[in-house]
Amino acid sequence: MTRKTFKMHLYPGMVEEYARRHNELWPEMKAMIHEYGGHNYTISFDAETNTLFGYIEVEDEARWAESADTPINRKWWDFMAPVMETNPDNSPVCEDLREVFHLD
């Protein structure tokens, strides 16, 4: 299992909408995350910077990377684009973070 941490940025005033959309996460999106080996997924928010911090454990990084090209993931990116910084293909602007400490 690989632990991945990353950050993304919300547009100002969009945290409640972001949270609402995730609290109503589509069943097929949940299934895809698990199908592609994602577990223990958490996203936190820093109000001072509008920064989201994500944590997910993945079974296989190559398999997880394949999930980006699934139709449901592309649909989710399109759905989330109005509330956060995105790339031209509507994927979130996402910066990987380097783990510097872990304790079980």
PDB file of N, CA and C in Angstrom:
ATOM      1  N   MET A   1       0.850  -1.178   0.000  1.00  0.00           N
ATOM      2  CA  MET A   1       0.000   0.000   0.000  1.00  0.00           C
ATOM      3  C   MET A   1       0.891   1.236   0.000  1.00  0.00           C
ATOM      4  N   THR A   2       0.575   2.186  -0.848  1.00  0.00           N
ATOM      5  CA  THR A   2       1.307   3.446  -0.932  1.00  0.00           C
ATOM      6  C   THR A   2       0.431   4.573  -0.404  1.00  0.00           C
ATOM      7  N   ARG A   3       0.991   5.404   0.465  1.00  0.00           N
ATOM      8  CA  ARG A   3       0.291   6.592   0.960  1.00  0.00           C
ATOM      9  C   ARG A   3       0.606   7.748   0.023  1.00  0.00           C
ATOM     10  N   LYS A   4      -0.434   8.429  -0.455  1.00  0.00           N
ATOM     11  CA  LYS A   4      -0.242   9.589  -1.327  1.00  0.00           C
ATOM     12  C   LYS A   4      -0.865  10.801  -0.644  1.00  0.00           C
ATOM     13  N   THR A   5      -0.130  11.905  -0.640  1.00  0.00           N
ATOM     14  CA  THR A   5      -0.657  13.155  -0.123  1.00  0.00           C
ATOM     15  C   THR A   5      -0.491  14.216  -1.208  1.00  0.00           C
ATOM     16  N   PHE A   6      -1.421  15.146  -1.237  1.00  0.00           N
ATOM     17  CA  PHE A   6      -1.421  16.150  -2.301  1.00  0.00           C
ATOM     18  C   PHE A   6      -2.225  17.367  -1.858  1.00  0.00           C
ATOM     19  N   LYS A   7      -2.064  18.456  -2.614  1.00  0.00           N
ATOM     20  CA  LYS A   7      -2.865  19.643  -2.330  1.00  0.00           C
ATOM     21  C   LYS A   7      -3.501  20.162  -3.613  1.00  0.00           C
ATOM     22  N   MET A   8      -4.655  20.794  -3.436  1.00  0.00           N
ATOM     23  CA  MET A   8      -5.419  21.413  -4.513  1.00  0.00           C
ATOM     24  C   MET A   8      -5.957  22.729  -3.967  1.00  0.00           C
ATOM     25  N   HIS A   9      -6.507  23.555  -4.837  1.00  0.00           N
ATOM     26  CA  HIS A   9      -6.986  24.865  -4.383  1.00  0.00           C
ATOM     27  C   HIS A   9      -8.432  25.107  -4.816  1.00  0.00           C
ATOM     28  N   LEU A  10      -9.219  25.567  -3.863  1.00  0.00           N
ATOM     29  CA  LEU A  10     -10.604  25.940  -4.138  1.00  0.00           C
ATOM     30  C   LEU A  10     -10.680  27.398  -4.540  1.00  0.00           C
ATOM     31  N   TYR A  11     -11.713  27.720  -5.295  1.00  0.00           N
ATOM     32  CA  TYR A  11     -12.024  29.126  -5.534  1.00  0.00           C
ATOM     33  C   TYR A  11     -12.602  29.700  -4.248  1.00  0.00           C
ATOM     34  N   PRO A  12     -12.395  30.992  -3.997  1.00  0.00           N
ATOM     35  CA  PRO A  12     -12.922  31.603  -2.768  1.00  0.00           C
ATOM     36  C   PRO A  12     -14.434  31.386  -2.625  1.00  0.00           C
ATOM     37  N   GLY A  13     -14.839  31.087  -1.403  1.00  0.00           N
ATOM     38  CA  GLY A  13     -16.246  30.917  -1.096  1.00  0.00           C
ATOM     39  C   GLY A  13     -16.856  29.597  -1.532  1.00  0.00           C
ATOM     40  N   MET A  14     -16.064  28.648  -1.966  1.00  0.00           N
ATOM     41  CA  MET A  14     -16.593  27.401  -2.518  1.00  0.00           C
ATOM     42  C   MET A  14     -16.460  26.187  -1.594  1.00  0.00           C
ATOM     43  N   VAL A  15     -15.989  26.359  -0.374  1.00  0.00           N
ATOM     44  CA  VAL A  15     -15.762  25.194   0.485  1.00  0.00           C
ATOM     45  C   VAL A  15     -17.066  24.468   0.804  1.00  0.00           C
ATOM     46  N   GLU A  16     -18.141  25.188   1.060  1.00  0.00           N
ATOM     47  CA  GLU A  16     -19.401  24.517   1.391  1.00  0.00           C
ATOM     48  C   GLU A  16     -19.923  23.721   0.192  1.00  0.00           C
ATOM     49  N   GLU A  17     -19.809  24.293  -0.996  1.00  0.00           N
ATOM     50  CA  GLU A  17     -20.250  23.583  -2.199  1.00  0.00           C
ATOM     51  C   GLU A  17     -19.369  22.368  -2.465  1.00  0.00           C
ATOM     52  N   TYR A  18     -18.067  22.526  -2.273  1.00  0.00           N
ATOM     53  CA  TYR A  18     -17.150  21.402  -2.446  1.00  0.00           C
ATOM     54  C   TYR A  18     -17.523  20.271  -1.489  1.00  0.00           C
ATOM     55  N   ALA A  19     -17.738  20.621  -0.224  1.00  0.00           N
ATOM     56  CA  ALA A  19     -18.098  19.619   0.776  1.00  0.00           C
ATOM     57  C   ALA A  19     -19.438  18.970   0.432  1.00  0.00           C
ATOM     58  N   ARG A  20     -20.417  19.757   0.008  1.00  0.00           N
ATOM     59  CA  ARG A  20     -21.725  19.214  -0.341  1.00  0.00           C
ATOM     60  C   ARG A  20     -21.601  18.186  -1.462  1.00  0.00           C
ATOM     61  N   ARG A  21     -20.847  18.538  -2.493  1.00  0.00           N
ATOM     62  CA  ARG A  21     -20.685  17.620  -3.623  1.00  0.00           C
ATOM     63  C   ARG A  21     -19.996  16.328  -3.199  1.00  0.00           C
ATOM     64  N   HIS A  22     -19.029  16.415  -2.310  1.00  0.00           N
ATOM     65  CA  HIS A  22     -18.353  15.204  -1.860  1.00  0.00           C
ATOM     66  C   HIS A  22     -19.216  14.394  -0.889  1.00  0.00           C
ATOM     67  N   ASN A  23     -20.021  15.055  -0.096  1.00  0.00           N
ATOM     68  CA  ASN A  23     -20.925  14.335   0.802  1.00  0.00           C
ATOM     69  C   ASN A  23     -21.996  13.577   0.025  1.00  0.00           C
ATOM     70  N   GLU A  24     -22.224  13.980  -1.212  1.00  0.00           N
ATOM     71  CA  GLU A  24     -23.178  13.304  -2.092  1.00  0.00           C
ATOM     72  C   GLU A  24     -22.445  12.552  -3.212  1.00  0.00           C
ATOM     73  N   LEU A  25     -21.221  12.109  -2.922  1.00  0.00           N
ATOM     74  CA  LEU A  25     -20.397  11.431  -3.923  1.00  0.00           C
ATOM     75  C   LEU A  25     -21.187  10.316  -4.605  1.00  0.00           C
ATOM     76  N   TRP A  26     -21.164  10.337  -5.922  1.00  0.00           N
ATOM     77  CA  TRP A  26     -21.909   9.358  -6.709  1.00  0.00           C
ATOM     78  C   TRP A  26     -21.453   7.945  -6.374  1.00  0.00           C
ATOM     79  N   PRO A  27     -22.394   7.009  -6.267  1.00  0.00           N
ATOM     80  CA  PRO A  27     -22.022   5.613  -5.981  1.00  0.00           C
ATOM     81  C   PRO A  27     -21.035   5.038  -6.999  1.00  0.00           C
ATOM     82  N   GLU A  28     -21.199   5.389  -8.275  1.00  0.00           N
ATOM     83  CA  GLU A  28     -20.286   4.859  -9.282  1.00  0.00           C
ATOM     84  C   GLU A  28     -18.879   5.443  -9.152  1.00  0.00           C
ATOM     85  N   MET A  29     -18.763   6.645  -8.583  1.00  0.00           N
ATOM     86  CA  MET A  29     -17.444   7.234  -8.325  1.00  0.00           C
ATOM     87  C   MET A  29     -16.787   6.511  -7.144  1.00  0.00           C
ATOM     88  N   LYS A  30     -17.556   6.253  -6.099  1.00  0.00           N
ATOM     89  CA  LYS A  30     -17.030   5.490  -4.962  1.00  0.00           C
ATOM     90  C   LYS A  30     -16.543   4.121  -5.432  1.00  0.00           C
ATOM     91  N   ALA A  31     -17.346   3.465  -6.261  1.00  0.00           N
ATOM     92  CA  ALA A  31     -16.982   2.136  -6.751  1.00  0.00           C
ATOM     93  C   ALA A  31     -15.701   2.190  -7.572  1.00  0.00           C
ATOM     94  N   MET A  32     -15.555   3.221  -8.407  1.00  0.00           N
ATOM     95  CA  MET A  32     -14.350   3.339  -9.228  1.00  0.00           C
ATOM     96  C   MET A  32     -13.118   3.528  -8.352  1.00  0.00           C
ATOM     97  N   ILE A  33     -13.213   4.357  -7.335  1.00  0.00           N
ATOM     98  CA  ILE A  33     -12.074   4.577  -6.434  1.00  0.00           C
ATOM     99  C   ILE A  33     -11.621   3.245  -5.842  1.00  0.00           C
ATOM    100  N   HIS A  34     -12.572   2.463  -5.360  1.00  0.00           N
ATOM    101  CA  HIS A  34     -12.212   1.167  -4.775  1.00  0.00           C
ATOM    102  C   HIS A  34     -11.731   0.182  -5.832  1.00  0.00           C
ATOM    103  N   GLU A  35     -12.367   0.181  -6.996  1.00  0.00           N
ATOM    104  CA  GLU A  35     -11.967  -0.728  -8.070  1.00  0.00           C
ATOM    105  C   GLU A  35     -10.518  -0.511  -8.496  1.00  0.00           C
ATOM    106  N   TYR A  36     -10.079   0.750  -8.468  1.00  0.00           N
ATOM    107  CA  TYR A  36      -8.717   1.071  -8.888  1.00  0.00           C
ATOM    108  C   TYR A  36      -7.738   1.115  -7.712  1.00  0.00           C
ATOM    109  N   GLY A  37      -8.172   0.575  -6.564  1.00  0.00           N
ATOM    110  CA  GLY A  37      -7.246   0.366  -5.452  1.00  0.00           C
ATOM    111  C   GLY A  37      -7.107   1.517  -4.485  1.00  0.00           C
ATOM    112  N   GLY A  38      -8.042   2.447  -4.456  1.00  0.00           N
ATOM    113  CA  GLY A  38      -7.991   3.562  -3.514  1.00  0.00           C
ATOM    114  C   GLY A  38      -8.728   3.245  -2.226  1.00  0.00           C
ATOM    115  N   HIS A  39      -8.103   3.556  -1.094  1.00  0.00           N
ATOM    116  CA  HIS A  39      -8.687   3.299   0.228  1.00  0.00           C
ATOM    117  C   HIS A  39      -8.324   4.433   1.180  1.00  0.00           C
ATOM    118  N   ASN A  40      -9.109   4.544   2.235  1.00  0.00           N
ATOM    119  CA  ASN A  40      -8.782   5.458   3.328  1.00  0.00           C
ATOM    120  C   ASN A  40      -8.537   6.883   2.816  1.00  0.00           C
ATOM    121  N   TYR A  41      -9.476   7.394   2.039  1.00  0.00           N
ATOM    122  CA  TYR A  41      -9.352   8.687   1.347  1.00  0.00           C
ATOM    123  C   TYR A  41      -9.893   9.795   2.241  1.00  0.00           C
ATOM    124  N   THR A  42      -9.089  10.810   2.477  1.00  0.00           N
ATOM    125  CA  THR A  42      -9.468  11.956   3.298  1.00  0.00           C
ATOM    126  C   THR A  42      -9.044  13.236   2.596  1.00  0.00           C
ATOM    127  N   ILE A  43      -9.909  14.245   2.639  1.00  0.00           N
ATOM    128  CA  ILE A  43      -9.573  15.567   2.126  1.00  0.00           C
ATOM    129  C   ILE A  43      -9.883  16.570   3.233  1.00  0.00           C
ATOM    130  N   SER A  44      -8.915  17.429   3.537  1.00  0.00           N
ATOM    131  CA  SER A  44      -9.062  18.464   4.563  1.00  0.00           C
ATOM    132  C   SER A  44      -8.890  19.832   3.921  1.00  0.00           C
ATOM    133  N   PHE A  45      -9.347  20.878   4.624  1.00  0.00           N
ATOM    134  CA  PHE A  45      -9.368  22.233   4.075  1.00  0.00           C
ATOM    135  C   PHE A  45      -8.684  23.214   5.007  1.00  0.00           C
ATOM    136  N   ASP A  46      -7.833  24.068   4.441  1.00  0.00           N
ATOM    137  CA  ASP A  46      -7.202  25.174   5.170  1.00  0.00           C
ATOM    138  C   ASP A  46      -7.890  26.460   4.736  1.00  0.00           C
ATOM    139  N   ALA A  47      -8.705  27.052   5.598  1.00  0.00           N
ATOM    140  CA  ALA A  47      -9.492  28.239   5.262  1.00  0.00           C
ATOM    141  C   ALA A  47      -8.632  29.466   4.984  1.00  0.00           C
ATOM    142  N   GLU A  48      -7.450  29.547   5.580  1.00  0.00           N
ATOM    143  CA  GLU A  48      -6.595  30.717   5.371  1.00  0.00           C
ATOM    144  C   GLU A  48      -6.079  30.804   3.938  1.00  0.00           C
ATOM    145  N   THR A  49      -5.924  29.654   3.283  1.00  0.00           N
ATOM    146  CA  THR A  49      -5.312  29.633   1.958  1.00  0.00           C
ATOM    147  C   THR A  49      -6.216  29.057   0.866  1.00  0.00           C
ATOM    148  N   ASN A  50      -7.428  28.613   1.229  1.00  0.00           N
ATOM    149  CA  ASN A  50      -8.326  27.914   0.291  1.00  0.00           C
ATOM    150  C   ASN A  50      -7.665  26.662  -0.278  1.00  0.00           C
ATOM    151  N   THR A  51      -6.799  26.053   0.515  1.00  0.00           N
ATOM    152  CA  THR A  51      -6.074  24.867   0.071  1.00  0.00           C
ATOM    153  C   THR A  51      -6.715  23.607   0.625  1.00  0.00           C
ATOM    154  N   LEU A  52      -6.888  22.633  -0.250  1.00  0.00           N
ATOM    155  CA  LEU A  52      -7.339  21.304   0.129  1.00  0.00           C
ATOM    156  C   LEU A  52      -6.116  20.408   0.261  1.00  0.00           C
ATOM    157  N   PHE A  53      -6.100  19.568   1.280  1.00  0.00           N
ATOM    158  CA  PHE A  53      -5.030  18.598   1.465  1.00  0.00           C
ATOM    159  C   PHE A  53      -5.655  17.214   1.409  1.00  0.00           C
ATOM    160  N   GLY A  54      -5.168  16.390   0.476  1.00  0.00           N
ATOM    161  CA  GLY A  54      -5.715  15.060   0.301  1.00  0.00           C
ATOM    162  C   GLY A  54      -4.754  13.987   0.754  1.00  0.00           C
ATOM    163  N   TYR A  55      -5.344  12.897   1.233  1.00  0.00           N
ATOM    164  CA  TYR A  55      -4.588  11.717   1.629  1.00  0.00           C
ATOM    165  C   TYR A  55      -5.353  10.504   1.118  1.00  0.00           C
ATOM    166  N   ILE A  56      -4.652   9.606   0.450  1.00  0.00           N
ATOM    167  CA  ILE A  56      -5.262   8.353   0.005  1.00  0.00           C
ATOM    168  C   ILE A  56      -4.206   7.263   0.035  1.00  0.00           C
ATOM    169  N   GLU A  57      -4.660   6.066   0.328  1.00  0.00           N
ATOM    170  CA  GLU A  57      -3.792   4.899   0.247  1.00  0.00           C
ATOM    171  C   GLU A  57      -4.184   4.137  -1.011  1.00  0.00           C
ATOM    172  N   VAL A  58      -3.201   3.789  -1.826  1.00  0.00           N
ATOM    173  CA  VAL A  58      -3.473   3.079  -3.071  1.00  0.00           C
ATOM    174  C   VAL A  58      -2.687   1.767  -3.092  1.00  0.00           C
ATOM    175  N   GLU A  59      -3.330   0.761  -3.660  1.00  0.00           N
ATOM    176  CA  GLU A  59      -2.713  -0.561  -3.733  1.00  0.00           C
ATOM    177  C   GLU A  59      -1.569  -0.601  -4.726  1.00  0.00           C
ATOM    178  N   ASP A  60      -1.720   0.093  -5.854  1.00  0.00           N
ATOM    179  CA  ASP A  60      -0.728   0.069  -6.925  1.00  0.00           C
ATOM    180  C   ASP A  60      -0.798   1.419  -7.645  1.00  0.00           C
ATOM    181  N   GLU A  61       0.303   2.151  -7.661  1.00  0.00           N
ATOM    182  CA  GLU A  61       0.288   3.494  -8.242  1.00  0.00           C
ATOM    183  C   GLU A  61      -0.029   3.494  -9.727  1.00  0.00           C
ATOM    184  N   ALA A  62       0.461   2.513 -10.471  1.00  0.00           N
ATOM    185  CA  ALA A  62       0.172   2.454 -11.906  1.00  0.00           C
ATOM    186  C   ALA A  62      -1.319   2.215 -12.139  1.00  0.00           C
ATOM    187  N   ARG A  63      -1.892   1.299 -11.394  1.00  0.00           N
ATOM    188  CA  ARG A  63      -3.332   1.028 -11.514  1.00  0.00           C
ATOM    189  C   ARG A  63      -4.133   2.265 -11.122  1.00  0.00           C
ATOM    190  N   TRP A  64      -3.735   2.943 -10.039  1.00  0.00           N
ATOM    191  CA  TRP A  64      -4.429   4.157  -9.607  1.00  0.00           C
ATOM    192  C   TRP A  64      -4.374   5.231 -10.692  1.00  0.00           C
ATOM    193  N   ALA A  65      -3.231   5.380 -11.337  1.00  0.00           N
ATOM    194  CA  ALA A  65      -3.087   6.382 -12.401  1.00  0.00           C
ATOM    195  C   ALA A  65      -4.059   6.120 -13.549  1.00  0.00           C
ATOM    196  N   GLU A  66      -4.368   4.853 -13.805  1.00  0.00           N
ATOM    197  CA  GLU A  66      -5.318   4.502 -14.871  1.00  0.00           C
ATOM    198  C   GLU A  66      -6.724   5.030 -14.587  1.00  0.00           C
ATOM    199  N   SER A  67      -7.049   5.241 -13.331  1.00  0.00           N
ATOM    200  CA  SER A  67      -8.401   5.704 -12.977  1.00  0.00           C
ATOM    201  C   SER A  67      -8.704   7.085 -13.544  1.00  0.00           C
ATOM    202  N   ALA A  68      -7.680   7.864 -13.823  1.00  0.00           N
ATOM    203  CA  ALA A  68      -7.892   9.216 -14.370  1.00  0.00           C
ATOM    204  C   ALA A  68      -8.611   9.179 -15.705  1.00  0.00           C
ATOM    205  N   ASP A  69      -8.432   8.125 -16.473  1.00  0.00           N
ATOM    206  CA  ASP A  69      -9.024   8.043 -17.809  1.00  0.00           C
ATOM    207  C   ASP A  69     -10.371   7.339 -17.854  1.00  0.00           C
ATOM    208  N   THR A  70     -10.953   7.036 -16.708  1.00  0.00           N
ATOM    209  CA  THR A  70     -12.268   6.403 -16.720  1.00  0.00           C
ATOM    210  C   THR A  70     -13.347   7.443 -17.018  1.00  0.00           C
ATOM    211  N   PRO A  71     -14.410   7.054 -17.692  1.00  0.00           N
ATOM    212  CA  PRO A  71     -15.487   8.006 -17.984  1.00  0.00           C
ATOM    213  C   PRO A  71     -16.089   8.645 -16.730  1.00  0.00           C
ATOM    214  N   ILE A  72     -16.239   7.868 -15.644  1.00  0.00           N
ATOM    215  CA  ILE A  72     -16.832   8.444 -14.436  1.00  0.00           C
ATOM    216  C   ILE A  72     -15.906   9.474 -13.809  1.00  0.00           C
ATOM    217  N   ASN A  73     -14.605   9.232 -13.865  1.00  0.00           N
ATOM    218  CA  ASN A  73     -13.666  10.214 -13.316  1.00  0.00           C
ATOM    219  C   ASN A  73     -13.684  11.495 -14.132  1.00  0.00           C
ATOM    220  N   ARG A  74     -13.726  11.383 -15.452  1.00  0.00           N
ATOM    221  CA  ARG A  74     -13.796  12.572 -16.320  1.00  0.00           C
ATOM    222  C   ARG A  74     -15.083  13.356 -16.056  1.00  0.00           C
ATOM    223  N   LYS A  75     -16.170  12.640 -15.849  1.00  0.00           N
ATOM    224  CA  LYS A  75     -17.451  13.295 -15.540  1.00  0.00           C
ATOM    225  C   LYS A  75     -17.354  14.031 -14.195  1.00  0.00           C
ATOM    226  N   TRP A  76     -16.689  13.414 -13.209  1.00  0.00           N
ATOM    227  CA  TRP A  76     -16.505  14.047 -11.899  1.00  0.00           C
ATOM    228  C   TRP A  76     -15.664  15.315 -12.021  1.00  0.00           C
ATOM    229  N   TRP A  77     -14.583  15.243 -12.789  1.00  0.00           N
ATOM    230  CA  TRP A  77     -13.757  16.439 -12.990  1.00  0.00           C
ATOM    231  C   TRP A  77     -14.578  17.573 -13.591  1.00  0.00           C
ATOM    232  N   ASP A  78     -15.389  17.270 -14.581  1.00  0.00           N
ATOM    233  CA  ASP A  78     -16.233  18.303 -15.195  1.00  0.00           C
ATOM    234  C   ASP A  78     -17.195  18.892 -14.172  1.00  0.00           C
ATOM    235  N   PHE A  79     -17.754  18.044 -13.327  1.00  0.00           N
ATOM    236  CA  PHE A  79     -18.692  18.463 -12.293  1.00  0.00           C
ATOM    237  C   PHE A  79     -18.022  19.359 -11.256  1.00  0.00           C
ATOM    238  N   MET A  80     -16.767  19.094 -10.924  1.00  0.00           N
ATOM    239  CA  MET A  80     -16.060  19.836  -9.886  1.00  0.00           C
ATOM    240  C   MET A  80     -15.344  21.082 -10.403  1.00  0.00           C
ATOM    241  N   ALA A  81     -15.169  21.210 -11.696  1.00  0.00           N
ATOM    242  CA  ALA A  81     -14.408  22.332 -12.263  1.00  0.00           C
ATOM    243  C   ALA A  81     -14.899  23.712 -11.830  1.00  0.00           C
ATOM    244  N   PRO A  82     -16.195  23.953 -11.652  1.00  0.00           N
ATOM    245  CA  PRO A  82     -16.622  25.289 -11.257  1.00  0.00           C
ATOM    246  C   PRO A  82     -16.200  25.727  -9.852  1.00  0.00           C
ATOM    247  N   VAL A  83     -15.746  24.799  -9.014  1.00  0.00           N
ATOM    248  CA  VAL A  83     -15.443  25.170  -7.633  1.00  0.00           C
ATOM    249  C   VAL A  83     -13.956  25.175  -7.290  1.00  0.00           C
ATOM    250  N   MET A  84     -13.105  24.744  -8.234  1.00  0.00           N
ATOM    251  CA  MET A  84     -11.687  24.631  -7.901  1.00  0.00           C
ATOM    252  C   MET A  84     -10.791  24.886  -9.110  1.00  0.00           C
ATOM    253  N   GLU A  85      -9.526  25.154  -8.838  1.00  0.00           N
ATOM    254  CA  GLU A  85      -8.560  25.366  -9.903  1.00  0.00           C
ATOM    255  C   GLU A  85      -8.374  24.070 -10.687  1.00  0.00           C
ATOM    256  N   THR A  86      -8.441  24.177 -12.019  1.00  0.00           N
ATOM    257  CA  THR A  86      -8.323  23.000 -12.871  1.00  0.00           C
ATOM    258  C   THR A  86      -7.373  23.255 -14.031  1.00  0.00           C
ATOM    259  N   ASN A  87      -6.929  22.166 -14.620  1.00  0.00           N
ATOM    260  CA  ASN A  87      -6.147  22.191 -15.847  1.00  0.00           C
ATOM    261  C   ASN A  87      -7.107  22.294 -17.037  1.00  0.00           C
ATOM    262  N   PRO A  88      -6.588  22.493 -18.251  1.00  0.00           N
ATOM    263  CA  PRO A  88      -7.464  22.597 -19.430  1.00  0.00           C
ATOM    264  C   PRO A  88      -8.408  21.406 -19.634  1.00  0.00           C
ATOM    265  N   ASP A  89      -8.034  20.201 -19.167  1.00  0.00           N
ATOM    266  CA  ASP A  89      -8.912  19.031 -19.316  1.00  0.00           C
ATOM    267  C   ASP A  89      -9.870  18.862 -18.126  1.00  0.00           C
ATOM    268  N   ASN A  90      -9.942  19.880 -17.274  1.00  0.00           N
ATOM    269  CA  ASN A  90     -10.772  19.909 -16.056  1.00  0.00           C
ATOM    270  C   ASN A  90     -10.242  19.042 -14.923  1.00  0.00           C
ATOM    271  N   SER A  91      -9.090  18.410 -15.090  1.00  0.00           N
ATOM    272  CA  SER A  91      -8.483  17.720 -13.953  1.00  0.00           C
ATOM    273  C   SER A  91      -8.060  18.774 -12.932  1.00  0.00           C
ATOM    274  N   PRO A  92      -8.143  18.452 -11.649  1.00  0.00           N
ATOM    275  CA  PRO A  92      -7.739  19.440 -10.648  1.00  0.00           C
ATOM    276  C   PRO A  92      -6.249  19.755 -10.757  1.00  0.00           C
ATOM    277  N   VAL A  93      -5.910  21.009 -10.560  1.00  0.00           N
ATOM    278  CA  VAL A  93      -4.507  21.355 -10.403  1.00  0.00           C
ATOM    279  C   VAL A  93      -4.094  20.736  -9.072  1.00  0.00           C
ATOM    280  N   CYS A  94      -3.224  19.782  -9.130  1.00  0.00           N
ATOM    281  CA  CYS A  94      -2.903  18.958  -7.965  1.00  0.00           C
ATOM    282  C   CYS A  94      -1.383  18.877  -7.817  1.00  0.00           C
ATOM    283  N   GLU A  95      -0.911  19.162  -6.624  1.00  0.00           N
ATOM    284  CA  GLU A  95       0.518  19.097  -6.356  1.00  0.00           C
ATOM    285  C   GLU A  95       0.773  17.988  -5.338  1.00  0.00           C
ATOM    286  N   ASP A  96       1.587  17.015  -5.712  1.00  0.00           N
ATOM    287  CA  ASP A  96       1.952  15.962  -4.776  1.00  0.00           C
ATOM    288  C   ASP A  96       2.798  16.546  -3.653  1.00  0.00           C
ATOM    289  N   LEU A  97       2.605  16.019  -2.457  1.00  0.00           N
ATOM    290  CA  LEU A  97       3.387  16.422  -1.300  1.00  0.00           C
ATOM    291  C   LEU A  97       4.301  15.275  -0.910  1.00  0.00           C
ATOM    292  N   ARG A  98       5.485  15.614  -0.445  1.00  0.00           N
ATOM    293  CA  ARG A  98       6.466  14.603  -0.032  1.00  0.00           C
ATOM    294  C   ARG A  98       6.237  14.262   1.435  1.00  0.00           C
ATOM    295  N   GLU A  99       6.093  12.998   1.704  1.00  0.00           N
ATOM    296  CA  GLU A  99       5.943  12.561   3.088  1.00  0.00           C
ATOM    297  C   GLU A  99       7.276  12.723   3.793  1.00  0.00           C
ATOM    298  N   VAL A 100       7.257  13.364   4.966  1.00  0.00           N
ATOM    299  CA  VAL A 100       8.492  13.526   5.736  1.00  0.00           C
ATOM    300  C   VAL A 100       8.433  12.828   7.083  1.00  0.00           C
ATOM    301  N   PHE A 101       7.252  12.310   7.444  1.00  0.00           N
ATOM    302  CA  PHE A 101       7.136  11.561   8.692  1.00  0.00           C
ATOM    303  C   PHE A 101       5.859  10.751   8.661  1.00  0.00           C
ATOM    304  N   HIS A 102       5.934   9.538   9.203  1.00  0.00           N
ATOM    305  CA  HIS A 102       4.749   8.685   9.349  1.00  0.00           C
ATOM    306  C   HIS A 102       4.930   7.833  10.584  1.00  0.00           C
ATOM    307  N   LEU A 103       3.848   7.670  11.342  1.00  0.00           N
ATOM    308  CA  LEU A 103       3.840   6.808  12.516  1.00  0.00           C
ATOM    309  C   LEU A 103       2.566   6.000  12.517  1.00  0.00           C
ATOM    310  N   ASP A 104       2.666   4.683  12.591  1.00  0.00           N
ATOM    311  CA  ASP A 104       1.485   3.825  12.727  1.00  0.00           C
ATOM    312  C   ASP A 104       1.081   3.741  14.172  1.00  0.00           C
TER     313      ASP A 104
END
